[in-house]
Protein backbone atom coordinates (compact mmCIF):
# COMPACT_ATOMS: atom_id res chain seq x y z
CA MET A 1 14.78 29.66 -51.39
CA ALA A 2 17.25 28.08 -48.94
CA TYR A 3 16.69 24.61 -47.52
CA PRO A 4 18.64 24.16 -44.28
CA THR A 5 19.36 20.46 -44.03
CA ALA A 6 20.28 18.38 -41.01
CA ARG A 7 20.67 15.24 -43.07
CA CYS A 8 21.30 14.49 -46.76
CA VAL A 9 21.18 11.14 -48.52
CA LEU A 10 22.51 10.38 -52.02
CA LEU A 11 21.05 7.43 -53.91
CA GLU A 12 22.38 6.32 -57.30
CA VAL A 13 20.21 4.17 -59.62
CA GLN A 14 21.69 2.55 -62.74
CA VAL A 15 19.48 1.34 -65.61
CA PRO A 16 20.92 -0.46 -68.69
CA ALA A 17 20.38 1.59 -71.83
CA ALA A 18 18.79 -1.41 -73.58
CA LEU A 19 15.85 -1.29 -71.21
CA VAL A 20 15.09 2.36 -71.86
CA GLN A 21 12.09 2.75 -74.18
CA PHE A 22 10.70 6.14 -75.16
CA GLY A 23 7.48 6.95 -73.35
CA GLN A 24 7.61 3.84 -71.13
CA SER A 25 8.40 3.47 -67.43
CA VAL A 26 11.49 1.46 -66.59
CA GLY A 27 10.69 0.94 -62.90
CA SER A 28 10.38 2.68 -59.54
CA VAL A 29 12.48 3.39 -56.46
CA VAL A 30 11.02 3.42 -52.93
CA TYR A 31 13.12 4.99 -50.17
CA ASP A 32 11.25 4.66 -46.86
CA CYS A 33 13.92 5.05 -44.16
CA PHE A 34 14.64 8.77 -44.27
CA GLU A 35 13.91 10.44 -40.93
CA ALA A 36 12.61 13.98 -40.84
CA ALA A 37 11.20 16.20 -38.12
CA LEU A 38 7.51 17.01 -37.76
CA GLY A 39 6.47 20.12 -39.66
CA SER A 40 9.59 20.18 -41.86
CA GLU A 41 10.01 20.09 -45.64
CA VAL A 42 11.85 17.35 -47.46
CA ARG A 43 13.23 18.27 -50.91
CA ILE A 44 13.77 15.43 -53.39
CA TRP A 45 16.10 16.35 -56.28
CA SER A 46 16.78 13.84 -59.05
CA TYR A 47 18.78 14.17 -62.24
CA THR A 48 20.23 12.02 -65.00
CA GLN A 49 23.80 11.54 -66.15
CA PRO A 50 25.38 13.51 -67.59
CA ARG A 51 24.45 15.72 -64.65
CA TYR A 52 21.66 18.32 -64.96
CA GLU A 53 20.59 17.09 -68.42
CA LYS A 54 17.17 16.27 -66.98
CA GLU A 55 15.98 17.21 -63.51
CA LEU A 56 12.98 16.29 -61.40
CA ASN A 57 12.33 18.24 -58.19
CA HIS A 58 9.70 17.46 -55.54
CA THR A 59 9.06 19.05 -52.13
CA GLN A 60 7.18 17.03 -49.46
CA GLN A 61 5.61 18.97 -46.56
CA LEU A 62 5.41 16.77 -43.45
CA PRO A 63 2.51 17.15 -41.02
CA ALA A 64 2.97 19.97 -38.52
CA LEU A 65 3.78 19.31 -34.87
CA PRO A 66 0.58 19.15 -32.82
CA TRP A 67 0.22 22.34 -30.81
CA LEU A 68 0.37 21.45 -27.11
CA ASN A 69 -1.10 23.66 -24.41
CA VAL A 70 -1.17 22.82 -20.69
CA SER A 71 -3.98 24.44 -18.70
CA ALA A 72 -5.30 24.00 -15.14
CA ASP A 73 -8.95 23.54 -14.19
CA GLY A 74 -9.33 23.15 -10.43
CA ASP A 75 -7.70 19.86 -9.43
CA ASN A 76 -7.37 18.77 -13.06
CA VAL A 77 -4.79 19.55 -15.74
CA HIS A 78 -5.75 19.65 -19.43
CA LEU A 79 -3.39 18.71 -22.26
CA VAL A 80 -4.86 20.40 -25.34
CA LEU A 81 -3.60 18.95 -28.64
CA ASN A 82 -4.89 21.15 -31.44
CA VAL A 83 -4.38 19.15 -34.62
CA SER A 84 -6.45 18.97 -37.76
CA GLU A 85 -9.45 16.70 -37.92
CA GLU A 86 -8.92 13.17 -39.19
CA GLN A 87 -5.17 13.42 -38.48
CA HIS A 88 -4.04 10.30 -36.65
CA PHE A 89 -1.26 10.49 -34.10
CA GLY A 90 0.17 8.57 -31.17
CA LEU A 91 0.40 10.00 -27.64
CA SER A 92 2.43 8.50 -24.79
CA LEU A 93 2.99 9.65 -21.18
CA TYR A 94 6.12 8.34 -19.47
CA TRP A 95 8.51 8.97 -16.57
CA ASN A 96 11.87 10.09 -17.89
CA GLN A 97 14.66 8.41 -15.93
CA VAL A 98 18.24 9.64 -15.56
CA GLN A 99 19.39 6.04 -15.26
CA GLY A 100 17.67 3.25 -17.13
CA PRO A 101 14.93 3.31 -19.76
CA PRO A 102 11.82 5.51 -19.46
CA LYS A 103 8.89 4.07 -17.50
CA PRO A 104 5.73 4.14 -19.67
CA ARG A 105 2.57 5.31 -17.89
CA TRP A 106 -0.08 5.71 -20.62
CA HIS A 107 -0.31 5.25 -24.41
CA LYS A 108 -3.08 5.73 -26.97
CA ASN A 109 -3.53 6.22 -30.71
CA LEU A 110 -5.84 9.20 -31.24
CA THR A 111 -7.48 11.35 -33.90
CA GLY A 112 -7.25 15.13 -33.58
CA PRO A 113 -8.18 17.39 -32.01
CA GLN A 114 -8.03 16.03 -28.45
CA ILE A 115 -8.12 17.21 -24.82
CA ILE A 116 -6.46 14.85 -22.33
CA THR A 117 -7.37 15.38 -18.65
CA LEU A 118 -4.87 14.55 -15.89
CA ASN A 119 -5.40 14.71 -12.14
CA HIS A 120 -3.00 17.15 -10.50
CA THR A 121 -1.79 14.37 -8.19
CA ASP A 122 -0.39 12.53 -11.24
CA LEU A 123 2.05 15.35 -12.02
CA VAL A 124 5.73 14.79 -11.25
CA PRO A 125 8.73 16.69 -12.69
CA CYS A 126 9.85 13.76 -14.85
CA LEU A 127 6.41 13.23 -16.46
CA CYS A 128 6.96 13.72 -20.21
CA ILE A 129 4.78 13.59 -23.32
CA GLN A 130 5.72 11.92 -26.60
CA VAL A 131 3.77 12.77 -29.77
CA TRP A 132 4.14 11.43 -33.30
CA PRO A 133 1.96 11.14 -36.43
CA LEU A 134 0.88 7.64 -37.32
CA GLU A 135 2.79 7.68 -40.62
CA PRO A 136 5.89 5.83 -41.80
CA ASP A 137 9.24 7.39 -40.87
CA SER A 138 7.69 9.76 -38.34
CA VAL A 139 10.03 11.26 -35.77
CA ARG A 140 8.75 11.22 -32.20
CA THR A 141 8.72 14.57 -30.40
CA ASN A 142 9.26 14.61 -26.62
CA ILE A 143 8.04 17.39 -24.29
CA CYS A 144 8.53 17.58 -20.50
CA PRO A 145 6.33 20.52 -19.41
CA PHE A 146 6.28 19.88 -15.64
CA ARG A 147 9.97 20.11 -14.75
CA GLU A 148 9.52 23.43 -12.92
CA ASP A 149 5.90 22.95 -11.79
CA PRO A 150 5.68 23.45 -7.98
CA ARG A 151 2.77 21.00 -7.75
CA ALA A 152 4.81 18.34 -9.51
CA HIS A 153 7.70 18.77 -7.07
CA GLN A 154 5.29 18.62 -4.11
CA ASN A 155 3.73 15.41 -5.45
CA LEU A 156 7.19 13.93 -5.97
CA TRP A 157 8.15 14.38 -2.32
CA GLN A 158 4.77 13.13 -1.15
CA ALA A 159 5.34 9.93 -3.15
CA ALA A 160 8.95 9.52 -1.95
CA ARG A 161 9.51 6.86 0.71
CA LEU A 162 12.50 5.89 2.85
CA ARG A 163 12.78 2.13 3.29
CA LEU A 164 15.20 0.32 5.62
CA LEU A 165 16.99 -2.56 3.86
CA THR A 166 19.34 -3.58 6.68
CA LEU A 167 20.38 -1.91 9.93
CA GLN A 168 22.99 0.07 7.97
CA SER A 169 21.48 0.57 4.52
CA TRP A 170 18.37 2.30 3.19
CA LEU A 171 16.60 3.03 -0.06
CA LEU A 172 14.84 6.23 -1.16
CA ASP A 173 11.96 5.30 -3.49
CA ALA A 174 10.63 8.07 -5.74
CA PRO A 175 9.15 8.28 -9.27
CA CYS A 176 11.90 10.68 -10.45
CA SER A 177 15.54 11.25 -9.70
CA LEU A 178 15.92 13.47 -6.65
CA PRO A 179 18.78 15.91 -5.98
CA ALA A 180 18.85 15.54 -2.20
CA GLU A 181 21.19 15.39 0.76
CA ALA A 182 20.76 12.77 3.48
CA ALA A 183 22.13 13.06 7.02
CA LEU A 184 22.05 11.03 10.23
CA CYS A 185 20.61 12.78 13.29
CA TRP A 186 19.32 11.81 16.73
CA ARG A 187 16.23 12.67 18.75
CA ALA A 188 15.62 12.26 22.46
CA PRO A 189 12.31 10.78 23.73
CA GLY A 190 9.61 13.42 24.03
CA GLY A 191 9.45 14.69 20.42
CA ASP A 192 12.41 17.09 20.53
CA PRO A 193 13.76 18.31 17.18
CA CYS A 194 16.17 15.93 15.48
CA GLN A 195 19.70 17.13 16.24
CA PRO A 196 22.72 16.56 13.97
CA LEU A 197 25.53 14.27 15.04
CA VAL A 198 28.60 16.29 16.02
CA PRO A 199 31.14 15.18 14.89
CA PRO A 200 29.23 13.75 11.95
CA LEU A 201 29.29 10.16 10.77
CA SER A 202 29.45 9.21 7.10
CA TRP A 203 25.91 9.56 5.70
CA GLU A 204 26.22 7.72 2.39
CA ASN A 205 24.33 4.66 3.57
CA VAL A 206 21.96 5.82 6.31
CA THR A 207 19.59 8.69 6.91
CA VAL A 208 16.68 10.06 8.87
CA ASP A 209 16.70 13.55 7.30
CA VAL A 210 16.35 14.22 3.57
CA ASN A 211 16.81 17.83 2.41
CA SER A 212 16.32 19.41 -1.01
CA SER A 213 16.78 23.09 -1.91
CA GLU A 214 17.73 23.76 1.74
CA LYS A 215 14.30 22.52 2.87
CA LEU A 216 13.59 19.47 5.02
CA GLN A 217 11.47 17.10 2.92
CA LEU A 218 11.50 13.78 4.81
CA GLN A 219 12.29 12.77 8.38
CA GLU A 220 11.78 9.17 9.43
CA CYS A 221 13.12 6.95 12.19
CA LEU A 222 13.89 3.93 10.04
CA TRP A 223 14.78 1.70 13.02
CA ALA A 224 11.59 2.29 15.05
CA ASP A 225 10.12 -1.13 14.19
CA SER A 226 13.36 -3.11 14.38
CA LEU A 227 14.38 -1.66 17.80
CA GLY A 228 10.92 -1.53 19.36
CA PRO A 229 9.40 1.37 21.37
CA LEU A 230 11.47 4.43 22.28
CA LYS A 231 13.69 3.84 25.30
CA ASP A 232 15.62 6.11 27.64
CA ASP A 233 18.95 5.02 26.17
CA VAL A 234 22.16 7.01 25.77
CA LEU A 235 23.75 7.25 22.31
CA LEU A 236 27.53 6.91 22.43
CA LEU A 237 29.38 8.32 19.40
CA GLU A 238 32.77 6.79 18.72
CA THR A 239 35.15 8.67 16.39
CA ARG A 240 38.30 7.12 14.98
CA GLY A 241 41.48 8.94 14.09
CA PRO A 242 44.88 8.03 12.73
CA GLN A 243 46.98 5.31 14.41
CA ASP A 244 43.86 3.67 15.88
CA ASN A 245 43.11 6.63 18.12
CA ARG A 246 39.49 6.76 19.21
CA SER A 247 37.33 8.92 21.44
CA LEU A 248 33.83 8.53 22.88
CA CYS A 249 31.16 11.09 23.68
CA ALA A 250 27.52 10.81 24.82
CA LEU A 251 24.85 12.62 22.81
CA GLU A 252 22.76 14.95 24.97
CA PRO A 253 20.53 17.96 24.19
CA SER A 254 23.39 20.23 25.30
CA GLY A 255 25.85 18.60 22.88
CA CYS A 256 28.18 15.61 22.77
CA THR A 257 29.72 15.08 26.26
CA SER A 258 33.19 13.50 26.20
CA LEU A 259 33.65 10.35 28.27
CA PRO A 260 35.05 10.28 30.85
CA SER A 261 34.12 13.82 31.91
CA LYS A 262 33.70 15.87 35.09
CA ALA A 263 30.72 17.80 33.70
CA SER A 264 27.42 17.91 35.61
CA THR A 265 25.30 16.25 32.93
CA ARG A 266 23.57 12.92 33.40
CA ALA A 267 25.83 11.11 30.94
CA ALA A 268 28.95 12.53 32.60
CA ARG A 269 27.86 11.31 36.06
CA LEU A 270 27.26 7.82 34.67
CA GLY A 271 30.20 7.87 32.26
CA GLU A 272 32.22 5.17 34.05
CA TYR A 273 29.26 2.78 34.04
CA LEU A 274 28.50 3.50 30.37
CA LEU A 275 32.08 2.71 29.39
CA GLN A 276 31.90 -0.54 31.35
CA ASP A 277 28.66 -1.51 29.61
CA LEU A 278 30.24 -0.74 26.23
CA GLN A 279 33.28 -2.91 26.97
CA SER A 280 31.15 -5.78 28.31
CA GLY A 281 28.94 -5.84 25.21
CA GLN A 282 25.71 -4.56 26.82
CA CYS A 283 25.35 -1.71 24.29
CA LEU A 284 23.73 -2.18 20.88
CA GLN A 285 25.76 -1.07 17.85
CA LEU A 286 23.59 0.93 15.43
CA TRP A 287 26.22 2.05 12.93
CA ASP A 288 29.86 1.33 12.04
CA ASP A 289 32.20 2.62 9.34
CA ASP A 290 35.79 3.82 8.91
CA LEU A 291 35.06 7.17 10.58
CA GLY A 292 33.38 5.85 13.70
CA ALA A 293 30.49 3.98 15.25
CA LEU A 294 27.19 4.67 17.04
CA TRP A 295 26.07 2.72 20.12
CA ALA A 296 22.85 2.64 22.18
CA CYS A 297 23.44 1.94 25.90
CA PRO A 298 20.49 1.29 28.28
CA MET A 299 19.94 3.78 31.11
CA ASP A 300 16.91 2.33 32.84
CA LYS A 301 18.89 0.16 35.27
CA TYR A 302 20.78 3.18 36.61
CA ILE A 303 17.60 5.22 37.11
CA HIS A 304 15.89 2.35 38.87
CA LYS A 305 18.91 1.64 41.08
CA ARG A 306 18.79 5.14 42.62
CA TRP A 307 15.29 4.65 43.92
CA ALA A 308 15.49 0.93 44.60
CA LEU A 309 16.29 1.19 48.35
CA VAL A 310 13.59 3.82 48.93
CA TRP A 311 10.90 1.75 47.36
CA LEU A 312 12.05 -1.59 48.72
CA ALA A 313 10.75 -1.01 52.26
CA CYS A 314 7.43 0.31 50.97
CA LEU A 315 6.97 -2.61 48.62
CA LEU A 316 7.79 -5.20 51.29
CA PHE A 317 5.36 -3.62 53.73
CA ALA A 318 2.58 -3.35 51.13
CA ALA A 319 3.21 -6.81 49.72
CA ALA A 320 2.53 -8.52 53.07
CA LEU A 321 -0.91 -6.93 53.33
CA SER A 322 -2.12 -7.02 49.74
CA LEU A 323 -0.51 -10.01 48.04
CA ILE A 324 -3.55 -12.26 48.20
CA LEU A 325 -5.95 -9.46 47.20
CA LEU A 326 -3.78 -8.38 44.30
CA LEU A 327 -3.48 -11.91 42.94
CA LYS A 328 -7.24 -12.39 43.03
CA LYS A 329 -7.91 -8.94 41.59
CA ASP A 330 -5.35 -9.30 38.78
CA HIS A 331 -6.66 -12.74 37.89
CA ALA A 332 -10.27 -11.52 37.74
CA LYS A 333 -9.25 -8.39 35.80
CA ALA A 334 -7.21 -10.36 33.26
CA ALA A 335 -10.02 -12.87 32.80
CA ALA A 336 -12.60 -10.10 32.27
CA ARG A 337 -10.49 -7.88 30.10
CA GLY A 338 -8.90 -10.61 27.99
CA ARG A 339 -5.80 -10.61 25.84
CA ALA A 340 -5.51 -8.16 22.93
CA ALA A 341 -5.56 -9.75 19.45
CA LEU A 342 -4.90 -7.86 16.20
CA LEU A 343 -6.36 -9.69 13.20
CA LEU A 344 -4.65 -9.05 9.83
CA TYR A 345 -5.89 -10.39 6.51
CA SER A 346 -5.88 -9.69 2.78
CA ALA A 347 -9.20 -8.42 1.41
CA ASP A 348 -9.38 -10.96 -1.45
CA ASP A 349 -13.11 -10.38 -2.03
CA SER A 350 -16.27 -9.33 -0.21
CA GLY A 351 -17.15 -12.92 0.67
CA PHE A 352 -13.82 -13.46 2.38
CA GLU A 353 -14.25 -10.19 4.30
CA ARG A 354 -17.60 -11.47 5.62
CA LEU A 355 -15.86 -14.69 6.68
CA VAL A 356 -13.18 -12.69 8.52
CA GLY A 357 -15.85 -10.60 10.22
CA ALA A 358 -17.61 -13.75 11.41
CA LEU A 359 -14.34 -15.09 12.87
CA ALA A 360 -13.61 -11.80 14.63
CA SER A 361 -17.12 -11.66 16.10
CA ALA A 362 -16.83 -15.26 17.32
CA LEU A 363 -13.48 -14.55 19.01
CA CYS A 364 -14.97 -11.52 20.77
CA GLN A 365 -17.30 -13.88 22.66
CA LEU A 366 -14.19 -15.26 24.40
CA PRO A 367 -11.94 -13.32 26.79
CA LEU A 368 -10.22 -11.64 23.83
CA ARG A 369 -10.15 -7.98 22.73
CA VAL A 370 -10.12 -8.24 18.94
CA ALA A 371 -9.03 -5.40 16.64
CA VAL A 372 -9.69 -5.69 12.89
CA ASP A 373 -9.77 -3.03 10.19
CA LEU A 374 -13.36 -4.00 9.25
CA TRP A 375 -14.52 -2.35 12.47
CA SER A 376 -12.27 0.72 12.17
CA ARG A 377 -12.87 1.98 8.64
CA ARG A 378 -13.38 5.59 9.79
CA GLU A 379 -10.06 5.65 11.71
CA LEU A 380 -8.38 3.76 8.86
CA SER A 381 -9.49 6.35 6.31
CA ALA A 382 -8.49 9.27 8.53
CA GLN A 383 -5.06 7.95 9.54
CA GLY A 384 -4.10 5.85 6.49
CA PRO A 385 -3.47 2.06 6.54
CA VAL A 386 0.22 2.27 7.53
CA ALA A 387 -0.31 4.66 10.47
CA TRP A 388 -3.40 2.77 11.67
CA PHE A 389 -1.65 -0.61 11.61
CA HIS A 390 1.53 0.78 13.19
CA ALA A 391 -0.46 2.18 16.15
CA GLN A 392 -2.55 -1.00 16.57
CA ARG A 393 0.50 -3.30 16.36
CA ARG A 394 2.48 -1.24 18.86
CA GLN A 395 -0.42 -1.10 21.35
CA THR A 396 -1.14 -4.84 20.98
CA LEU A 397 2.48 -5.91 21.54
CA GLN A 398 3.03 -3.44 24.39
CA GLU A 399 0.01 -4.95 26.18
CA GLY A 400 1.37 -8.48 25.71
CA GLY A 401 -1.16 -9.27 23.00
CA VAL A 402 -0.85 -11.35 19.85
CA VAL A 403 -0.97 -10.52 16.13
CA VAL A 404 -2.94 -13.06 14.05
CA LEU A 405 -1.94 -13.36 10.38
CA LEU A 406 -4.91 -14.85 8.53
CA PHE A 407 -3.50 -16.30 5.32
CA SER A 408 -5.47 -16.63 2.09
CA PRO A 409 -4.38 -17.03 -1.55
CA GLY A 410 -4.21 -13.23 -1.87
CA ALA A 411 -2.20 -12.87 1.34
CA VAL A 412 0.28 -15.56 0.22
CA ALA A 413 0.73 -13.80 -3.12
CA LEU A 414 1.39 -10.45 -1.38
CA CYS A 415 3.89 -12.02 1.05
CA SER A 416 5.75 -13.77 -1.78
CA GLU A 417 5.84 -10.54 -3.78
CA TRP A 418 7.27 -8.62 -0.79
CA LEU A 419 9.91 -11.31 -0.13
CA GLN A 420 11.02 -11.26 -3.79
CA ASP A 421 10.92 -7.54 -4.63
CA GLY A 422 10.63 -5.74 -1.28
CA VAL A 423 7.56 -3.78 -2.51
CA SER A 424 3.94 -4.51 -3.22
CA GLY A 425 2.47 -3.97 -6.65
CA PRO A 426 0.24 -0.87 -6.88
CA GLY A 427 -3.49 -1.21 -7.09
CA ALA A 428 -3.52 -4.92 -6.17
CA HIS A 429 -5.96 -4.35 -3.26
CA GLY A 430 -8.47 -1.91 -1.94
CA PRO A 431 -7.66 1.36 -0.19
CA HIS A 432 -8.57 -0.12 3.26
CA ASP A 433 -6.27 -3.22 3.00
CA ALA A 434 -4.28 -3.04 6.26
CA PHE A 435 -2.58 -6.38 5.52
CA ARG A 436 -0.78 -4.93 2.50
CA ALA A 437 0.23 -1.84 4.49
CA SER A 438 1.37 -3.96 7.46
CA LEU A 439 3.96 -6.05 5.63
CA SER A 440 6.66 -3.37 5.88
CA CYS A 441 6.38 -3.57 9.70
CA VAL A 442 5.59 -7.28 10.06
CA LEU A 443 8.54 -8.54 8.00
CA PRO A 444 11.29 -7.08 10.27
CA ASP A 445 9.80 -8.97 13.25
CA PHE A 446 10.11 -12.26 11.33
CA LEU A 447 13.48 -11.49 9.73
CA GLN A 448 15.02 -10.61 13.10
CA GLY A 449 13.48 -13.47 15.08
CA ARG A 450 11.08 -11.44 17.25
CA ALA A 451 7.86 -13.01 15.91
CA PRO A 452 7.61 -16.22 18.05
CA GLY A 453 5.37 -15.61 21.04
CA SER A 454 3.86 -12.45 19.52
CA TYR A 455 2.48 -13.79 16.23
CA VAL A 456 0.38 -16.79 15.16
CA GLY A 457 -0.83 -17.75 11.72
CA ALA A 458 -4.12 -19.26 10.58
CA CYS A 459 -5.90 -20.28 7.39
CA PHE A 460 -9.25 -21.80 6.56
CA ASP A 461 -9.68 -25.47 5.69
CA ARG A 462 -10.48 -26.00 1.99
CA LEU A 463 -9.12 -22.54 1.12
CA LEU A 464 -5.37 -22.86 1.76
CA HIS A 465 -2.97 -25.57 2.89
CA PRO A 466 -0.50 -24.48 5.59
CA ASP A 467 2.41 -25.61 3.38
CA ALA A 468 1.47 -22.84 0.91
CA VAL A 469 2.38 -20.21 3.51
CA PRO A 470 5.92 -18.84 2.82
CA ALA A 471 8.55 -20.57 4.97
CA LEU A 472 9.51 -17.34 6.75
CA PHE A 473 6.02 -17.07 8.28
CA ARG A 474 5.98 -20.73 9.34
CA THR A 475 8.49 -19.91 12.08
CA VAL A 476 5.36 -19.30 14.19
CA PRO A 477 2.49 -21.80 14.56
CA VAL A 478 0.05 -21.84 11.61
CA PHE A 479 -3.36 -23.40 12.38
CA THR A 480 -6.11 -24.51 10.01
CA LEU A 481 -9.64 -23.46 10.93
CA PRO A 482 -11.97 -24.79 12.11
CA SER A 483 -10.22 -28.21 12.34
CA GLN A 484 -7.51 -26.93 14.74
CA LEU A 485 -9.63 -24.45 16.68
CA PRO A 486 -8.69 -25.82 20.16
CA ASP A 487 -4.96 -25.40 19.51
CA PHE A 488 -5.56 -22.01 17.87
CA LEU A 489 -7.52 -20.72 20.88
CA GLY A 490 -4.85 -22.10 23.21
CA ALA A 491 -2.19 -20.08 21.33
CA LEU A 492 -4.28 -16.92 21.79
CA GLN A 493 -4.28 -17.25 25.58
CA GLN A 494 -1.81 -15.39 27.76
CA PRO A 495 1.66 -17.00 27.50
CA ARG A 496 1.71 -18.10 31.18
CA ALA A 497 -2.00 -18.75 31.52
CA PRO A 498 -2.94 -22.35 32.47
CA ARG A 499 -4.68 -24.44 29.84
CA SER A 500 -8.36 -24.10 30.64
CA GLY A 501 -10.53 -27.18 30.78
CA ARG A 502 -13.17 -25.18 28.93
CA LEU A 503 -10.95 -24.82 25.85
CA GLN A 504 -12.76 -27.56 23.91
CA GLU A 505 -16.12 -26.06 24.88
CA ARG A 506 -15.00 -22.61 23.65
CA ALA A 507 -13.69 -24.14 20.42
CA GLU A 508 -17.09 -25.71 19.77
CA GLN A 509 -18.75 -22.37 20.54
CA VAL A 510 -16.54 -20.56 18.00
CA SER A 511 -17.04 -23.34 15.45
CA ARG A 512 -20.84 -23.06 15.71
CA ALA A 513 -20.68 -19.28 15.28
CA LEU A 514 -18.34 -19.62 12.30
CA GLN A 515 -20.09 -22.45 10.46
CA PRO A 516 -22.85 -20.38 8.73
CA ALA A 517 -20.24 -18.02 7.29
CA LEU A 518 -18.12 -20.98 6.12
CA ASP A 519 -21.13 -22.61 4.45
CA SER A 520 -22.06 -19.33 2.73
CA TYR A 521 -18.50 -18.82 1.48
CA PHE A 522 -17.72 -22.33 0.26
CA HIS A 523 -21.27 -23.33 -0.78
CA PRO A 524 -23.06 -20.25 -2.19
CA PRO A 525 -26.85 -20.70 -2.58
CA GLY A 526 -27.73 -22.51 -5.76
CA THR A 527 -24.28 -24.09 -6.32
CA PRO A 528 -23.23 -27.68 -5.59
CA ALA A 529 -20.72 -28.26 -2.78
CA PRO A 530 -17.17 -28.43 -4.16
CA GLY A 531 -15.14 -31.59 -3.83
CA ARG A 532 -11.73 -30.03 -3.33
CA GLY A 533 -9.95 -26.85 -2.19
CA VAL A 534 -10.26 -23.58 -4.01
CA GLY A 535 -6.93 -21.93 -3.13
CA PRO A 536 -3.28 -22.60 -3.96
CA GLY A 537 -1.93 -25.39 -1.82
CA ALA A 538 -5.39 -26.82 -1.09
CA GLY A 539 -5.43 -30.47 -2.08
CA PRO A 540 -8.06 -33.23 -2.44
CA GLY A 541 -9.82 -33.98 0.77
CA ALA A 542 -8.91 -30.69 2.38
CA GLY A 543 -12.59 -29.92 2.86
CA ASP A 544 -13.26 -32.89 5.16
CA GLY A 545 -12.58 -30.87 8.34
CA THR A 546 -15.47 -29.47 10.32
């Protein structure tokens, strides 16, 4: 019988002849670091010197590799491990990484046979299985059965996210390594298809399109939040050649129109003005590298200028007759309709959510239109937290409203985690936590200085001290409630609205409506009133405010 061997070890043991006694054992040798594969045979062959005078042969059969079968059952996937009863083995699920160590996902020590059930949404191509018997010197066997599974590839792209790091760098987050091609493209207002840049810019560090296997997988406008709402701007593409030669063209649906040009397109007619704006620094640079640059030049002033003379006479005539009526009507309408306020918070627990609901209800009694995810759970579930918050934030800011960041210990922890790692830990909050989803859109406003005037912060007395709020978010006013309610309500008014003499009266009204919820949260029935704060940053005496 042949014994194909991948590894052979020779061990020599010497025993003095004086210790050898007939019929008695001299000693023993334990060799416990010989690796062998599951299901293989290990042959031990010993002999004395002179060679072959006495031989002792032993064959050790190692436990067989557990038989693995992958089967589907509706939305579930079964891993069937058919091993003998009472056989103990270890099982580990992990993400195999091309770069860096594997990322463990699940590990258990089991006794055969076993059926492990996985949800089909957990499958990704790099999900691998490691199996080994719980015996000394066991070799671990690795199996990656989902590399070609279409569901796994679909889940991978659904989990992939494009994240803007700076105006000229991005990061593609995905569980597994992705063979993909990224390219910069442009899209005109109105939802037209994204068109490639011709001539192309270098795409190593920026993208809106991600393609794999000649199929478009992701398309995102990474600058939507940093640049604000879509505008009727013209994109100027600058290409650079040898000896500092450069040329400019304007991106239009018909192609890239060279500037200056005698063509009949809109960009060609305004080419001289666009070049003047570019030279005077009125255009915003979106991209720059050795091959060229990309600029956004505003067009609204040219469109308005064409019709300015026509409308001027009409406006002057109408203004004389309706100025007083319009002022009265606008003032009454603004007072009745109120300013929009979007309330964001971290759902630390059910008691805190009730406290937030009480604050939102109290603010609704004032001339404020309050939006909070507690009152929009159906829309939040249908759209998803990110899409819901993005729509609410855009509508609030476009209407001149204000976003209120209600800080709590949980919110401070999430903000600090985002500022350190750029991503929030999975599973830290519930599925309806819009605060967690909003950080990716809120942070650019603070990092780029657009938050003052559009954001205010607040926290509850005895729960959090304002100094515990990360410094980046203290660039806008942070009020403690209810002790600073008058100043808080004043910050929620329209920016140019006069300070109302009823502000103190409204603050007392909100404080009375809020007090039962505060008492219930900080003094639950049957418990003594605490003597100090309960959150990070809350110090002694913080609960003295009313």
